[in-house]
């Protein structure tokens, strides 16, 4: 159903001037391309197709009216940015030339080419892009939701991953004077896998600046068998931890906490019978994550792990050629970051266009992902890599060192690039710049000639 200009106040007209937005429940819709999810990947691909499809042909199913640039949450938690600086209205970032349905998907039926929304609306599509991301499952850790519901001063528990809780991190950090500070990585897939340790390094830097570091034991407990998946950057991070006296425990998973006693219980994943309960003054928790139930429970759509099952190269569904997936909900085994979604956008755009025209999709995604590993208030290691966990660096120098320039890239350049270029369909990752900086055009190289150790 369309909003009628004649009955809308002028202020509302400015917001919805070009949107078709469904407010009718239990309606039936049909479109050429349906994008489920209005986050990073969904908005970016929608912007590309809005240039060639009609408004009634392009639908976006998204319930939230807020759009967050989530990579900024690390800096919000460290007191360097505000939450509001990471937020815009969804109406301002979606392309105007689309039909926006404000709801979540509760059922996918790829055999019938339909998606059912929580409102009861049924959308029939010719082509589908699933871009639903990952859900934060704070409920999976006993005692965590209760701890986060208490005032930060009494609880000491925080989490950078949710806009609901990210401000608590800065509050808890400012109140921290002594004791144990723990930072966790859960035993599940996560988006931005570098973020759980970035806040650890920021906390260390803050405590040193305030002259409190000697009274605080800083520990990073990760369920992973490595500190970081790419050896080149892992070696650099181990060096940072050693120099700053940060304890790192591998294969160590948070399984519960008692916020009244300020006690956290960790399990050794290699020896599950070993569980350790210890007191904390600060506990930064990265929650377990999973795809929404509508995806994970749908065996036609997803794999055994609950991710939309796609070809790792083309990002096309392996059973339904008219379905693609982008970003965190995809089964492609890349690191789940905004940079990965940027690289996937152009691949999906070209391959979807090919399928729409009856051609075979030929563009291949190489697994590119980037993780700006912030290690302080003016330092960052810019990790870039591919499916093989081999460095795939943009700049013509080795990026396994803490650099102020990479911090400024993270803090001052990436956010406007995201808001003004990527969400408008103009940014597909740094591959072009990488070719220029490494003279790939001149020498015909397809791989990064930077050091790969």
Protein backbone atom coordinates (compact mmCIF):
# COMPACT_ATOMS: atom_id res chain seq x y z
CA UNK A 1 0.00 0.00 0.00
CA UNK A 2 1.34 3.46 -0.84
CA UNK A 3 1.35 6.52 1.39
CA UNK A 4 -0.89 9.21 -0.11
CA UNK A 5 0.68 12.62 -0.20
CA UNK A 6 -2.66 14.38 0.22
CA UNK A 7 -3.15 13.12 3.77
CA UNK A 8 0.43 13.40 5.04
CA UNK A 9 1.80 16.37 7.01
CA UNK A 10 4.63 18.21 5.31
CA UNK A 11 7.28 16.95 7.78
CA UNK A 12 6.32 13.36 7.15
CA UNK A 13 6.29 13.95 3.42
CA UNK A 14 9.95 14.92 3.53
CA UNK A 15 10.83 11.57 5.12
CA UNK A 16 8.70 9.43 2.86
CA UNK A 17 8.86 11.53 -0.27
CA UNK A 18 10.00 8.69 -2.48
CA UNK A 19 9.30 5.61 -0.40
CA UNK A 20 6.63 3.04 -0.89
CA UNK A 21 6.14 1.67 2.60
CA UNK A 22 3.66 -1.04 3.51
CA UNK A 23 1.44 -0.44 6.53
CA UNK A 24 -1.20 -2.99 5.65
CA UNK A 25 -1.13 -6.28 7.51
CA UNK A 26 -1.71 -9.69 5.90
CA UNK A 27 -1.21 -8.19 2.46
CA UNK A 28 0.18 -9.99 -0.55
CA UNK A 29 3.01 -8.42 -2.50
CA UNK A 30 5.06 -9.37 -5.50
CA UNK A 31 8.36 -8.04 -6.77
CA UNK A 32 11.28 -8.85 -8.98
CA UNK A 33 13.94 -8.61 -6.24
CA UNK A 34 13.29 -8.99 -2.52
CA UNK A 35 16.07 -8.09 -0.11
CA UNK A 36 15.51 -9.39 3.41
CA UNK A 37 17.53 -7.25 5.78
CA UNK A 38 18.30 -3.53 5.65
CA UNK A 39 21.73 -3.62 7.26
CA UNK A 40 25.10 -3.06 5.60
CA UNK A 41 24.81 -5.66 2.84
CA UNK A 42 21.11 -5.23 2.22
CA UNK A 43 21.26 -1.43 1.88
CA UNK A 44 24.34 -1.49 -0.33
CA UNK A 45 22.96 -4.01 -2.81
CA UNK A 46 19.56 -2.30 -2.76
CA UNK A 47 21.27 0.95 -3.73
CA UNK A 48 22.83 -0.71 -6.77
CA UNK A 49 19.57 -2.21 -7.99
CA UNK A 50 17.57 0.94 -7.27
CA UNK A 51 19.38 2.47 -10.24
CA UNK A 52 17.97 -0.09 -12.69
CA UNK A 53 14.73 -1.44 -11.18
CA UNK A 54 11.43 0.30 -10.60
CA UNK A 55 10.25 1.05 -7.09
CA UNK A 56 7.55 -1.62 -7.23
CA UNK A 57 10.10 -4.18 -8.45
CA UNK A 58 12.53 -3.72 -5.56
CA UNK A 59 11.41 -4.56 -2.01
CA UNK A 60 13.38 -4.37 1.24
CA UNK A 61 12.07 -6.18 4.31
CA UNK A 62 13.51 -4.59 7.45
CA UNK A 63 11.87 -3.94 10.82
CA UNK A 64 14.28 -1.49 12.42
CA UNK A 65 14.01 2.26 11.94
CA UNK A 66 17.61 2.69 13.11
CA UNK A 67 20.70 1.88 11.08
CA UNK A 68 24.02 1.60 12.92
CA UNK A 69 27.55 1.66 11.60
CA UNK A 70 28.56 -1.11 13.96
CA UNK A 71 32.36 -0.93 13.43
CA UNK A 72 32.22 2.36 15.33
CA UNK A 73 30.99 0.60 18.49
CA UNK A 74 34.59 -0.24 19.43
CA UNK A 75 35.40 3.46 19.61
CA UNK A 76 32.12 4.24 21.41
CA UNK A 77 33.03 1.71 24.11
CA UNK A 78 36.43 3.33 24.46
CA UNK A 79 35.01 6.82 24.87
CA UNK A 80 36.31 8.07 21.50
CA UNK A 81 32.94 8.44 19.74
CA UNK A 82 29.28 8.66 20.74
CA UNK A 83 26.57 6.15 19.94
CA UNK A 84 24.59 8.80 18.07
CA UNK A 85 27.52 9.28 15.70
CA UNK A 86 27.11 5.64 14.66
CA UNK A 87 23.35 5.92 13.97
CA UNK A 88 21.17 7.16 11.14
CA UNK A 89 17.50 6.68 10.34
CA UNK A 90 16.86 3.63 8.19
CA UNK A 91 14.69 5.87 5.97
CA UNK A 92 17.75 8.00 5.23
CA UNK A 93 20.06 5.14 4.21
CA UNK A 94 17.70 2.96 2.18
CA UNK A 95 17.49 3.94 -1.49
CA UNK A 96 14.43 6.06 -2.15
CA UNK A 97 13.53 4.06 -5.22
CA UNK A 98 12.42 0.96 -3.31
CA UNK A 99 9.44 -0.37 -1.40
CA UNK A 100 10.25 -0.71 2.28
CA UNK A 101 8.24 -3.18 4.35
CA UNK A 102 8.79 -2.55 8.05
CA UNK A 103 8.87 -6.06 9.47
CA UNK A 104 11.01 -9.13 10.03
CA UNK A 105 10.92 -12.33 8.04
CA UNK A 106 9.43 -15.26 9.95
CA UNK A 107 9.24 -17.82 7.16
CA UNK A 108 11.14 -18.49 3.95
CA UNK A 109 9.62 -20.78 1.34
CA UNK A 110 12.18 -21.09 -1.47
CA UNK A 111 10.09 -23.75 -3.21
CA UNK A 112 7.23 -21.25 -3.62
CA UNK A 113 9.45 -18.15 -3.94
CA UNK A 114 7.77 -16.44 -0.99
CA UNK A 115 8.76 -14.85 2.31
CA UNK A 116 6.27 -14.31 5.13
CA UNK A 117 6.75 -11.28 7.37
CA UNK A 118 5.97 -11.00 11.06
CA UNK A 119 3.06 -8.73 10.15
CA UNK A 120 1.51 -11.56 8.14
CA UNK A 121 2.41 -10.00 4.80
CA UNK A 122 3.48 -12.48 2.13
CA UNK A 123 5.97 -11.31 -0.48
CA UNK A 124 6.38 -13.28 -3.68
CA UNK A 125 9.67 -12.69 -5.44
CA UNK A 126 11.47 -13.60 -8.63
CA UNK A 127 14.86 -13.21 -6.98
CA UNK A 128 15.86 -13.12 -3.31
CA UNK A 129 18.84 -11.72 -1.42
CA UNK A 130 19.12 -12.81 2.21
CA UNK A 131 20.97 -10.20 4.28
CA UNK A 132 19.65 -10.82 7.80
CA UNK A 133 23.00 -10.81 9.62
CA UNK A 134 23.55 -12.46 13.00
CA UNK A 135 21.51 -12.14 16.19
CA UNK A 136 23.14 -11.44 19.55
CA UNK A 137 22.25 -14.26 21.95
CA UNK A 138 22.96 -12.78 25.37
CA UNK A 139 20.41 -15.27 26.73
CA UNK A 140 22.77 -18.17 26.02
CA UNK A 141 25.05 -17.26 28.95
CA UNK A 142 23.34 -17.80 32.33
CA UNK A 143 23.26 -14.62 34.39
CA UNK A 144 24.35 -12.31 31.58
CA UNK A 145 21.04 -10.61 30.82
CA UNK A 146 20.43 -10.04 34.52
CA UNK A 147 23.89 -8.51 34.89
CA UNK A 148 23.30 -6.18 31.94
CA UNK A 149 19.98 -5.05 33.42
CA UNK A 150 21.70 -3.73 36.55
CA UNK A 151 23.46 -0.36 36.84
CA UNK A 152 26.94 -0.59 35.36
CA UNK A 153 28.60 0.48 38.62
CA UNK A 154 27.16 -2.39 40.62
CA UNK A 155 27.37 -4.98 37.86
CA UNK A 156 30.71 -4.31 36.18
CA UNK A 157 29.42 -6.14 33.08
CA UNK A 158 29.34 -4.56 29.63
CA UNK A 159 29.29 -5.39 25.92
CA UNK A 160 30.28 -3.37 22.86
CA UNK A 161 28.19 -5.43 20.47
CA UNK A 162 24.74 -3.97 21.09
CA UNK A 163 23.62 -0.34 20.84
CA UNK A 164 21.61 -1.10 23.96
CA UNK A 165 24.74 -1.84 26.00
CA UNK A 166 27.75 -0.24 24.30
CA UNK A 167 27.70 2.91 26.47
CA UNK A 168 28.07 0.69 29.55
CA UNK A 169 31.60 -0.22 28.43
CA UNK A 170 32.83 3.34 28.76
CA UNK A 171 30.98 3.71 32.07
CA UNK A 172 32.52 0.53 33.52
CA UNK A 173 35.98 1.40 32.21
CA UNK A 174 35.90 4.84 33.85
CA UNK A 175 34.89 3.24 37.16
CA UNK A 176 37.59 0.54 37.05
CA UNK A 177 40.32 1.11 39.65
CA UNK A 178 41.59 -2.36 40.59
CA UNK A 179 40.92 -6.09 40.41
CA UNK A 180 40.45 -8.31 37.37
CA UNK A 181 39.25 -7.12 33.95
CA UNK A 182 38.15 -9.91 31.61
CA UNK A 183 37.37 -9.67 27.88
CA UNK A 184 35.71 -12.67 26.21
CA UNK A 185 35.25 -14.34 22.82
CA UNK A 186 32.37 -16.89 22.75
CA UNK A 187 32.27 -20.43 21.44
CA UNK A 188 30.24 -19.49 18.36
CA UNK A 189 30.65 -17.64 15.07
CA UNK A 190 30.77 -13.87 15.61
CA UNK A 191 30.66 -10.75 13.50
CA UNK A 192 33.86 -8.72 13.51
CA UNK A 193 35.98 -11.36 15.29
CA UNK A 194 38.67 -8.81 16.09
CA UNK A 195 36.36 -6.61 18.15
CA UNK A 196 36.45 -8.73 21.36
CA UNK A 197 40.16 -8.02 21.76
CA UNK A 198 40.18 -4.45 20.43
CA UNK A 199 38.37 -3.23 23.55
CA UNK A 200 40.89 -5.13 25.65
CA UNK A 201 43.76 -3.11 24.17
CA UNK A 202 41.80 0.13 24.48
CA UNK A 203 41.07 -0.62 28.15
CA UNK A 204 44.76 -1.26 28.78
CA UNK A 205 45.67 2.04 27.12
CA UNK A 206 43.06 3.94 29.12
CA UNK A 207 44.20 2.47 32.42
CA UNK A 208 47.81 3.36 31.66
CA UNK A 209 46.80 6.92 30.79
CA UNK A 210 44.93 7.20 34.10
CA UNK A 211 47.76 5.64 36.14
CA UNK A 212 45.66 2.64 37.26
CA UNK A 213 47.10 -0.16 35.15
CA UNK A 214 49.36 -1.64 37.87
CA UNK A 215 46.31 -2.35 40.04
CA UNK A 216 44.31 -4.11 37.31
CA UNK A 217 44.93 -7.58 35.86
CA UNK A 218 43.85 -7.54 32.19
CA UNK A 219 42.90 -10.90 30.65
CA UNK A 220 41.60 -11.90 27.22
CA UNK A 221 39.76 -15.24 27.29
CA UNK A 222 38.98 -16.64 23.86
CA UNK A 223 37.30 -19.88 22.83
CA UNK A 224 39.53 -19.99 19.75
CA UNK A 225 42.79 -21.98 19.57
CA UNK A 226 44.59 -18.87 18.25
CA UNK A 227 44.63 -15.18 19.15
CA UNK A 228 43.85 -14.31 15.51
CA UNK A 229 43.26 -16.47 12.46
CA UNK A 230 45.96 -14.97 10.23
CA UNK A 231 49.45 -15.85 11.50
CA UNK A 232 51.08 -12.64 10.31
CA UNK A 233 48.76 -10.50 12.44
CA UNK A 234 48.56 -13.05 15.25
CA UNK A 235 52.33 -12.75 15.72
CA UNK A 236 51.99 -8.97 15.95
CA UNK A 237 49.16 -9.25 18.50
CA UNK A 238 51.08 -11.70 20.69
CA UNK A 239 53.87 -9.13 20.76
CA UNK A 240 51.42 -6.41 21.85
CA UNK A 241 50.05 -8.61 24.64
CA UNK A 242 53.53 -9.50 25.88
CA UNK A 243 54.69 -5.89 25.91
CA UNK A 244 51.58 -4.74 27.81
CA UNK A 245 51.35 -7.65 30.22
CA UNK A 246 47.94 -8.77 28.93
CA UNK A 247 47.07 -12.36 29.85
CA UNK A 248 45.67 -14.47 27.00
CA UNK A 249 43.90 -17.78 27.61
CA UNK A 250 43.04 -19.80 24.51
CA UNK A 251 40.15 -22.30 24.34
CA UNK A 252 38.58 -20.62 27.37
CA UNK A 253 34.84 -19.95 27.22
CA UNK A 254 32.55 -17.94 29.50
CA UNK A 255 29.68 -20.22 30.56
CA UNK A 256 28.02 -18.23 33.34
CA UNK A 257 28.27 -15.37 35.81
CA UNK A 258 26.90 -14.19 39.13
CA UNK A 259 26.70 -10.40 39.07
CA UNK A 260 25.78 -10.18 42.76
CA UNK A 261 29.09 -11.80 43.70
CA UNK A 262 30.88 -10.43 40.64
CA UNK A 263 32.03 -13.93 39.72
CA UNK A 264 32.51 -15.39 36.23
CA UNK A 265 32.82 -19.07 35.36
CA UNK A 266 34.99 -20.20 32.46
CA UNK A 267 35.32 -23.62 30.86
CA UNK A 268 38.38 -25.15 29.25
CA UNK A 269 37.05 -26.30 25.87
CA UNK A 270 39.84 -28.87 25.44
CA UNK A 271 39.12 -30.32 28.87
CA UNK A 272 35.41 -29.54 29.48
CA UNK A 273 35.51 -30.96 32.98
CA UNK A 274 37.80 -28.10 34.03
CA UNK A 275 35.76 -25.07 35.08
CA UNK A 276 37.16 -22.06 36.87
CA UNK A 277 35.20 -19.43 38.79
CA UNK A 278 36.96 -16.13 39.45
CA UNK A 279 36.08 -12.65 40.61
CA UNK A 280 36.00 -9.70 38.25
CA UNK A 281 35.82 -5.93 38.53
CA UNK A 282 35.11 -5.53 34.81
CA UNK A 283 33.70 -8.16 32.47
CA UNK A 284 33.32 -7.29 28.79
CA UNK A 285 31.24 -10.01 27.15
CA UNK A 286 31.01 -10.81 23.46
CA UNK A 287 27.74 -12.78 23.28
CA UNK A 288 27.21 -15.99 21.31
CA UNK A 289 25.65 -15.28 17.92
CA UNK A 290 23.46 -17.10 15.44
CA UNK A 291 21.38 -16.46 12.34
CA UNK A 292 17.69 -15.65 12.97
CA UNK A 293 15.51 -18.70 13.58
CA UNK A 294 13.64 -18.18 10.30
CA UNK A 295 16.93 -18.94 8.56
CA UNK A 296 18.62 -21.42 10.90
CA UNK A 297 15.54 -23.67 11.18
CA UNK A 298 14.91 -23.74 7.44
CA UNK A 299 16.73 -26.80 6.10
CA UNK A 300 15.93 -25.88 2.48
CA UNK A 301 17.69 -22.56 2.89
CA UNK A 302 20.47 -23.19 5.40
CA UNK A 303 23.26 -25.65 6.13
CA UNK A 304 23.70 -27.69 9.31
CA UNK A 305 25.27 -24.70 11.08
CA UNK A 306 22.26 -22.51 10.27
CA UNK A 307 23.83 -20.28 7.61
CA UNK A 308 22.36 -19.63 4.16
CA UNK A 309 24.09 -22.23 2.02
CA UNK A 310 25.81 -20.54 -0.90
CA UNK A 311 28.64 -21.18 -3.32
CA UNK A 312 31.76 -19.65 -1.77
CA UNK A 313 32.72 -17.95 -5.02
CA UNK A 314 29.49 -16.77 -6.66
CA UNK A 315 27.52 -16.39 -3.36
CA UNK A 316 24.57 -18.02 -5.15
CA UNK A 317 22.50 -20.57 -3.26
CA UNK A 318 23.63 -24.11 -4.05
CA UNK A 319 20.05 -25.41 -4.59
CA UNK A 320 18.02 -22.34 -5.56
CA UNK A 321 19.70 -20.34 -8.35
CA UNK A 322 17.43 -17.31 -7.80
CA UNK A 323 18.64 -16.87 -4.20
CA UNK A 324 21.83 -15.19 -3.01
CA UNK A 325 23.12 -14.26 0.46
CA UNK A 326 25.43 -11.52 1.65
CA UNK A 327 27.24 -10.69 4.86
CA UNK A 328 27.14 -12.41 8.22
CA UNK A 329 24.27 -14.83 7.48
CA UNK A 330 26.05 -16.39 4.49
CA UNK A 331 27.78 -19.76 4.74
CA UNK A 332 30.84 -18.40 2.90
CA UNK A 333 33.75 -19.07 5.32
CA UNK A 334 35.11 -15.53 5.37
CA UNK A 335 35.56 -13.35 8.42
CA UNK A 336 32.23 -11.60 9.05
CA UNK A 337 33.04 -7.91 8.71
CA UNK A 338 31.63 -4.84 6.99
CA UNK A 339 34.65 -4.89 4.68
CA UNK A 340 33.72 -8.41 3.59
CA UNK A 341 30.18 -7.25 2.80
CA UNK A 342 31.60 -4.39 0.73
CA UNK A 343 33.66 -6.81 -1.35
CA UNK A 344 30.66 -9.10 -1.78
CA UNK A 345 28.33 -6.32 -2.99
CA UNK A 346 29.72 -6.01 -6.49
CA UNK A 347 30.06 -9.79 -6.85
CA UNK A 348 26.40 -10.26 -5.97
CA UNK A 349 25.27 -7.35 -8.11
CA UNK A 350 26.97 -8.70 -11.22
CA UNK A 351 25.98 -12.31 -10.58
CA UNK A 352 22.36 -11.44 -9.81
CA UNK A 353 22.17 -9.38 -12.99
CA UNK A 354 23.55 -12.35 -14.90
CA UNK A 355 20.94 -14.72 -13.48
CA UNK A 356 18.17 -12.21 -14.16
CA UNK A 357 19.29 -12.14 -17.79
CA UNK A 358 19.48 -15.94 -18.03
CA UNK A 359 23.28 -16.07 -17.96
CA UNK A 360 25.61 -18.11 -15.75
CA UNK A 361 27.12 -16.10 -12.86
CA UNK A 362 30.87 -15.86 -13.32
CA UNK A 363 32.13 -13.32 -10.77
CA UNK A 364 34.07 -14.91 -7.89
CA UNK A 365 34.49 -13.64 -4.34
CA UNK A 366 37.98 -14.36 -2.97
CA UNK A 367 37.00 -14.19 0.70
CA UNK A 368 38.44 -10.71 1.24
CA UNK A 369 37.90 -9.32 4.73
CA UNK A 370 39.47 -6.54 6.71
CA UNK A 371 39.79 -6.02 10.43
CA UNK A 372 41.28 -2.76 11.74
CA UNK A 373 42.72 -4.05 15.00
CA UNK A 374 42.64 -0.95 17.21
CA UNK A 375 45.33 -1.32 19.87
CA UNK A 376 45.00 2.01 21.65
CA UNK A 377 43.82 5.59 21.33
CA UNK A 378 46.05 6.32 18.35
CA UNK A 379 47.25 2.91 17.12
CA UNK A 380 45.88 0.26 14.79
CA UNK A 381 47.04 -2.84 12.92
CA UNK A 382 45.12 -3.08 9.65
CA UNK A 383 44.58 -6.78 8.97
CA UNK A 384 43.44 -7.70 5.44
CA UNK A 385 43.19 -11.28 4.20
CA UNK A 386 41.36 -13.79 2.01
CA UNK A 387 39.70 -17.21 2.23
CA UNK A 388 43.09 -18.88 2.71
CA UNK A 389 43.88 -16.56 5.64
CA UNK A 390 46.71 -15.14 3.56
CA UNK A 391 47.36 -11.38 3.87
CA UNK A 392 45.75 -9.39 1.06
CA UNK A 393 47.00 -5.93 1.90
CA UNK A 394 45.98 -2.69 0.22
CA UNK A 395 49.01 -0.56 1.00
CA UNK A 396 52.50 -1.11 -0.47
CA UNK A 397 54.05 -1.82 2.93
CA UNK A 398 53.66 -4.51 5.52
CA UNK A 399 50.59 -3.83 7.68
CA UNK A 400 51.48 -6.03 10.68
CA UNK A 401 52.56 -3.07 12.80
CA UNK A 402 50.75 -0.56 15.00
CA UNK A 403 50.35 2.63 13.01
CA UNK A 404 48.74 5.98 13.71
CA UNK A 405 47.81 6.33 10.03
CA UNK A 406 45.76 3.12 10.16
CA UNK A 407 44.00 4.40 13.28
CA UNK A 408 43.04 7.61 11.49
CA UNK A 409 41.80 5.51 8.57
CA UNK A 410 39.58 3.56 10.97
CA UNK A 411 38.32 6.58 12.90
CA UNK A 412 38.04 9.37 10.35
CA UNK A 413 37.94 7.91 6.84
CA UNK A 414 35.98 4.66 7.04
CA UNK A 415 32.78 6.08 8.60
CA UNK A 416 32.10 8.72 5.89
CA UNK A 417 33.14 6.19 3.25
CA UNK A 418 30.49 3.86 4.66
CA UNK A 419 27.69 6.42 4.91
CA UNK A 420 28.27 8.30 1.65
CA UNK A 421 29.73 5.70 -0.72
CA UNK A 422 29.02 2.14 0.38
CA UNK A 423 25.37 2.59 1.35
CA UNK A 424 24.79 4.43 -1.92
CA UNK A 425 26.21 1.55 -3.93
CA UNK A 426 29.53 3.15 -4.89
CA UNK A 427 32.06 1.34 -2.68
CA UNK A 428 33.03 -2.27 -3.38
CA UNK A 429 36.08 -2.55 -1.17
CA UNK A 430 39.68 -1.48 -1.82
CA UNK A 431 40.56 -3.94 -4.60
CA UNK A 432 40.98 -1.18 -7.20
CA UNK A 433 43.24 0.84 -4.89
CA UNK A 434 45.21 -2.31 -4.09
CA UNK A 435 45.89 -2.89 -7.79
CA UNK A 436 47.02 0.70 -8.27
CA UNK A 437 49.27 0.73 -5.20
CA UNK A 438 50.88 -2.58 -6.10
CA UNK A 439 51.11 -1.85 -9.85
CA UNK A 440 48.97 -4.87 -10.64
CA UNK A 441 47.75 -3.17 -13.81
CA UNK A 442 51.30 -2.83 -15.06
CA UNK A 443 52.44 -6.32 -14.22
CA UNK A 444 49.20 -8.26 -14.52
CA UNK A 445 49.44 -9.63 -10.99
CA UNK A 446 46.33 -11.07 -9.46
CA UNK A 447 47.79 -11.47 -5.99
CA UNK A 448 49.13 -9.00 -3.51
CA UNK A 449 52.92 -8.74 -3.84
CA UNK A 450 53.24 -7.46 -0.28
CA UNK A 451 54.94 -9.72 2.24
CA UNK A 452 52.79 -12.77 2.86
CA UNK A 453 54.59 -14.18 5.89
